Amino acid sequence: MMEIWAHRGAYDYAPENTLTAFLLAIDKNADGVELDIQMTRDGEVVVIHDETVDRTSTGSGNVGDFTLSEIKKLNFNKRGVTPPAFMEIPTLAEFFELMKPSQLKINVEFKTNVVFYEGIEARALEIARRHDIVERVVWSSSNHYTIANLKRLEPNAETAYICSGQIFVTGEQCEKTGVSALHPNYNQLRYPGFVDECHSRGVKVRPWTVNSYDGLKFVHSLGVDGVFTNDIDKAKEFLQGS
C-alpha cells in the first residue's frame, strides 16, 4: 500500500510547519509527516522550510540571524489558512513532543543546501534521542554531505536523498552510500525503469509533491512506497478508489 506522507504537515488545511498543521495530519490519519529544519543564531533547531521568515511569517530576515526568543515573537499564520490566530514557529523538540504519542512516521528534512548550519545533524539527532523517537525518523536532504554526516553519527539511521531538476540520483548511488530511500520530484519518475531499479537494490521511493489525481494515479501505477502530498484527504480518497 502506498503510504501518505503529509507535506509540511496538513499543508492545504493549516499554515505549513506549524503544530496545528501537524495535529491535523494526525487527525486525518496520514501515515507519515514531513517537516523541514534550520537553526537559529543561538543554535536552536526550528521547523521552517525557507531560509528566511518572510514568506510564512509577519517578520523579515534570515532564520539564522534570529535567536529563538526573537523568532518566537513572529506570527507564522501569515497565509491565514485557519481563522486568525497567532502561531509561533515550533522547535524540533516541540514537534517530537507532539508526535511521540502518535504512530506516524516522521521525515525530517535538513535545509542545508543554501545555508550550511554547522552541527545541525548532531543537534537534531540528540533531540530525537532525548525523545526516544529515532527509530521512527527518516532523515533526508538534498545536501548529500549532510546525510553523510548524519550516517557517521548514527550508522543505523534511515536516510534519504532528495533530488529534483537536473540533480538525478539513482538507486545504485543510494546502495553504495547506505542510503535507504530516494525522495525525487515526481516528474523524475518518468525516466524508464527508475522505480524498479531502486526497488531492485532495496531502495524505497517516495516522490514529492503529488497533489493531483493524475499525479497520484501515475506514481501509484509505478509502485512507489509513499507520496508526499499537500492534500491528505484527496490522496486517501484516491487510494480507497483504487
Protein backbone atom coordinates (compact mmCIF):
# COMPACT_ATOMS: atom_id res chain seq x y z
CA MET A 1 0.00 0.00 0.00
CA MET A 2 1.32 3.43 -0.96
CA GLU A 3 1.89 5.47 2.20
CA ILE A 4 0.54 9.02 2.51
CA TRP A 5 3.00 11.49 4.00
CA ALA A 6 1.72 14.92 5.00
CA HIS A 7 3.93 17.54 3.35
CA ARG A 8 4.93 20.17 5.95
CA GLY A 9 2.03 18.86 7.98
CA ALA A 10 -1.52 19.22 6.64
CA TYR A 11 -0.34 21.91 4.22
CA ASP A 12 -3.68 22.53 2.50
CA TYR A 13 -5.55 22.86 5.77
CA ALA A 14 -3.31 24.91 8.08
CA PRO A 15 -0.17 27.07 7.98
CA GLU A 16 2.74 24.88 6.95
CA ASN A 17 5.18 23.51 9.50
CA THR A 18 3.10 24.60 12.48
CA LEU A 19 1.93 22.42 15.34
CA THR A 20 -1.62 22.99 14.12
CA ALA A 21 -0.73 21.51 10.73
CA PHE A 22 0.95 18.51 12.35
CA LEU A 23 -2.03 17.88 14.63
CA LEU A 24 -4.32 17.88 11.60
CA ALA A 25 -2.06 15.36 9.88
CA ILE A 26 -2.53 13.08 12.88
CA ASP A 27 -6.30 13.66 12.91
CA LYS A 28 -6.53 12.91 9.18
CA ASN A 29 -4.73 9.59 9.68
CA ALA A 30 -1.75 10.24 7.46
CA ASP A 31 0.89 7.50 7.52
CA GLY A 32 3.72 9.95 7.99
CA VAL A 33 4.54 13.61 8.30
CA GLU A 34 7.30 15.65 6.66
CA LEU A 35 8.94 18.77 8.08
CA ASP A 36 11.94 20.99 7.40
CA ILE A 37 14.55 22.18 9.88
CA GLN A 38 17.00 25.05 10.12
CA MET A 39 18.92 26.60 13.00
CA THR A 40 18.71 29.91 14.84
CA ARG A 41 21.65 32.13 15.73
CA ASP A 42 21.79 30.62 19.22
CA GLY A 43 21.85 27.04 17.93
CA GLU A 44 18.22 26.03 18.37
CA VAL A 45 16.73 23.70 15.74
CA VAL A 46 13.46 25.13 14.42
CA VAL A 47 10.85 23.85 11.98
CA ILE A 48 10.68 26.03 8.87
CA HIS A 49 11.10 25.46 5.13
CA ASP A 50 12.61 28.72 3.86
CA GLU A 51 15.95 30.19 4.82
CA THR A 52 14.10 33.43 5.61
CA VAL A 53 10.95 34.07 7.63
CA ASP A 54 9.48 36.47 5.04
CA ARG A 55 7.05 34.18 3.20
CA THR A 56 5.48 32.41 6.15
CA SER A 57 5.59 34.96 8.98
CA THR A 58 4.92 38.59 9.78
CA GLY A 59 8.66 39.20 10.11
CA SER A 60 11.58 39.58 7.76
CA GLY A 61 15.13 38.27 7.74
CA ASN A 62 17.23 35.12 7.75
CA VAL A 63 16.34 32.33 10.16
CA GLY A 64 19.98 32.11 11.19
CA ASP A 65 20.04 35.77 12.23
CA PHE A 66 17.31 35.35 14.88
CA THR A 67 17.68 33.95 18.37
CA LEU A 68 14.97 31.51 19.41
CA SER A 69 13.28 34.07 21.65
CA GLU A 70 13.26 36.61 18.82
CA ILE A 71 11.84 34.27 16.19
CA LYS A 72 9.19 33.01 18.63
CA LYS A 73 7.67 36.51 18.66
CA LEU A 74 6.75 36.30 14.95
CA ASN A 75 3.33 35.13 13.80
CA PHE A 76 3.65 32.21 11.37
CA ASN A 77 -0.02 32.31 10.42
CA LYS A 78 0.66 34.78 7.60
CA ARG A 79 -1.09 32.62 4.99
CA GLY A 80 -4.30 32.72 7.03
CA VAL A 81 -5.49 29.22 6.15
CA THR A 82 -7.19 28.85 9.52
CA PRO A 83 -9.16 31.55 11.42
CA PRO A 84 -6.83 34.37 12.52
CA ALA A 85 -4.64 33.21 15.38
CA PHE A 86 -1.07 33.69 16.48
CA MET A 87 1.07 30.67 15.59
CA GLU A 88 4.69 30.57 16.61
CA ILE A 89 7.46 28.64 14.95
CA PRO A 90 7.92 25.24 16.63
CA THR A 91 11.25 23.85 17.70
CA LEU A 92 12.18 20.33 16.67
CA ALA A 93 11.87 19.33 20.32
CA GLU A 94 8.30 20.67 20.48
CA PHE A 95 7.45 18.81 17.30
CA PHE A 96 8.80 15.50 18.63
CA GLU A 97 6.89 16.03 21.88
CA LEU A 98 3.69 16.47 19.89
CA MET A 99 4.30 13.48 17.63
CA LYS A 100 5.51 10.97 20.20
CA PRO A 101 2.06 9.68 21.29
CA SER A 102 1.04 9.13 17.65
CA GLN A 103 2.08 6.27 15.39
CA LEU A 104 3.01 8.43 12.41
CA LYS A 105 6.36 8.04 10.73
CA ILE A 106 8.47 11.18 10.53
CA ASN A 107 10.60 12.64 7.74
CA VAL A 108 12.97 15.37 8.89
CA GLU A 109 14.48 17.33 6.01
CA PHE A 110 17.71 19.20 6.67
CA LYS A 111 17.54 22.50 4.77
CA THR A 112 21.29 22.79 4.38
CA ASN A 113 21.51 23.18 0.61
CA VAL A 114 21.63 27.01 0.81
CA VAL A 115 22.84 27.72 4.35
CA PHE A 116 25.24 25.27 5.96
CA TYR A 117 24.27 25.11 9.63
CA GLU A 118 27.33 23.70 11.32
CA GLY A 119 26.47 20.99 13.81
CA ILE A 120 22.78 20.74 12.92
CA GLU A 121 22.99 16.99 12.31
CA ALA A 122 24.34 16.24 15.79
CA ARG A 123 21.90 18.63 17.41
CA ALA A 124 18.85 17.16 15.63
CA LEU A 125 19.93 13.60 16.39
CA GLU A 126 20.45 14.45 20.06
CA ILE A 127 16.91 15.89 20.25
CA ALA A 128 15.47 12.76 18.62
CA ARG A 129 17.34 10.51 21.03
CA ARG A 130 16.15 12.55 24.01
CA HIS A 131 12.57 11.99 22.88
CA ASP A 132 13.22 8.28 22.18
CA ILE A 133 11.91 8.66 18.65
CA VAL A 134 14.95 7.90 16.46
CA GLU A 135 13.50 4.64 15.13
CA ARG A 136 10.54 6.48 13.58
CA VAL A 137 12.60 9.13 11.77
CA VAL A 138 13.78 9.25 8.17
CA TRP A 139 16.48 11.92 7.80
CA SER A 140 16.57 13.50 4.33
CA SER A 141 18.35 16.27 2.47
CA SER A 142 19.36 17.38 -1.00
CA ASN A 143 22.77 18.07 0.58
CA HIS A 144 24.47 14.68 0.47
CA TYR A 145 27.26 15.89 2.75
CA THR A 146 24.64 16.41 5.46
CA ILE A 147 23.40 12.84 5.03
CA ALA A 148 26.97 11.54 5.21
CA ASN A 149 27.46 13.45 8.47
CA LEU A 150 24.26 12.02 9.89
CA LYS A 151 25.28 8.47 8.93
CA ARG A 152 28.63 8.91 10.66
CA LEU A 153 26.84 9.95 13.83
CA GLU A 154 24.17 7.23 13.61
CA PRO A 155 25.12 4.43 11.17
CA ASN A 156 21.76 2.69 11.59
CA ALA A 157 19.69 5.78 10.85
CA GLU A 158 17.19 5.61 8.00
CA THR A 159 18.15 8.25 5.45
CA ALA A 160 17.03 9.55 2.06
CA TYR A 161 18.41 11.66 -0.74
CA ILE A 162 16.17 14.38 -2.18
CA CYS A 163 16.55 15.06 -5.88
CA SER A 164 14.90 17.30 -8.44
CA GLY A 165 15.53 19.17 -11.67
CA GLN A 166 18.94 18.37 -13.09
CA ILE A 167 20.07 16.64 -9.90
CA PHE A 168 19.45 12.98 -10.68
CA VAL A 169 20.26 10.27 -8.15
CA THR A 170 20.00 6.53 -8.78
CA GLY A 171 19.26 3.53 -6.64
CA GLU A 172 22.81 2.37 -7.25
CA GLN A 173 24.18 5.54 -5.66
CA CYS A 174 21.94 5.04 -2.65
CA GLU A 175 23.03 1.43 -2.28
CA LYS A 176 26.71 2.38 -2.38
CA THR A 177 26.32 5.01 0.35
CA GLY A 178 23.93 3.05 2.58
CA VAL A 179 21.03 5.42 1.99
CA SER A 180 17.70 3.62 2.22
CA ALA A 181 15.38 5.84 0.16
CA LEU A 182 15.07 8.36 -2.63
CA HIS A 183 12.69 11.32 -2.48
CA PRO A 184 12.52 12.67 -6.05
CA ASN A 185 10.32 15.27 -7.66
CA TYR A 186 7.61 13.01 -9.06
CA ASN A 187 8.31 14.12 -12.64
CA GLN A 188 11.65 12.30 -12.41
CA LEU A 189 9.76 9.03 -12.18
CA ARG A 190 9.11 9.36 -15.92
CA TYR A 191 12.61 8.08 -16.59
CA PRO A 192 12.13 4.45 -17.70
CA GLY A 193 12.78 1.88 -15.00
CA PHE A 194 13.56 4.44 -12.28
CA VAL A 195 11.39 2.92 -9.56
CA ASP A 196 12.16 -0.69 -10.49
CA GLU A 197 15.91 0.00 -10.40
CA CYS A 198 15.60 1.46 -6.91
CA HIS A 199 13.47 -1.40 -5.64
CA SER A 200 15.88 -3.97 -7.07
CA ARG A 201 18.51 -2.52 -4.73
CA GLY A 202 16.21 -2.30 -1.70
CA VAL A 203 15.82 1.47 -2.01
CA LYS A 204 12.39 2.94 -1.26
CA VAL A 205 10.92 5.67 -3.46
CA ARG A 206 8.73 8.46 -2.07
CA PRO A 207 8.08 11.23 -4.63
CA TRP A 208 7.01 14.80 -3.88
CA THR A 209 4.80 16.77 -4.05
CA VAL A 210 1.88 14.78 -5.51
CA ASN A 211 -1.40 16.66 -5.19
CA SER A 212 -3.49 15.86 -8.29
CA TYR A 213 -5.46 12.71 -9.10
CA ASP A 214 -3.47 12.29 -12.30
CA GLY A 215 -0.22 12.54 -10.36
CA LEU A 216 -1.41 10.09 -7.73
CA LYS A 217 -2.56 7.66 -10.42
CA PHE A 218 0.78 7.90 -12.20
CA VAL A 219 3.03 7.29 -9.19
CA HIS A 220 0.74 4.59 -7.81
CA SER A 221 0.96 2.71 -11.11
CA LEU A 222 4.75 2.60 -10.69
CA GLY A 223 4.50 1.03 -7.24
CA VAL A 224 6.11 3.80 -5.20
CA ASP A 225 6.39 3.25 -1.47
CA GLY A 226 4.82 6.55 -0.46
CA VAL A 227 3.96 10.07 -1.57
CA PHE A 228 4.42 13.46 -0.01
CA THR A 229 1.23 15.43 -0.56
CA ASN A 230 -0.41 18.69 0.47
CA ASP A 231 -3.91 17.18 0.24
CA ILE A 232 -4.22 14.24 2.60
CA ASP A 233 -7.96 13.80 2.01
CA LYS A 234 -7.57 13.60 -1.76
CA ALA A 235 -4.76 11.06 -1.50
CA LYS A 236 -6.76 8.88 0.87
CA GLU A 237 -9.82 9.13 -1.37
CA PHE A 238 -7.71 8.08 -4.35
CA LEU A 239 -6.32 5.03 -2.53
CA GLN A 240 -9.79 3.97 -1.42
CA GLY A 241 -10.99 4.19 -5.02
CA SER A 242 -8.02 2.30 -6.41
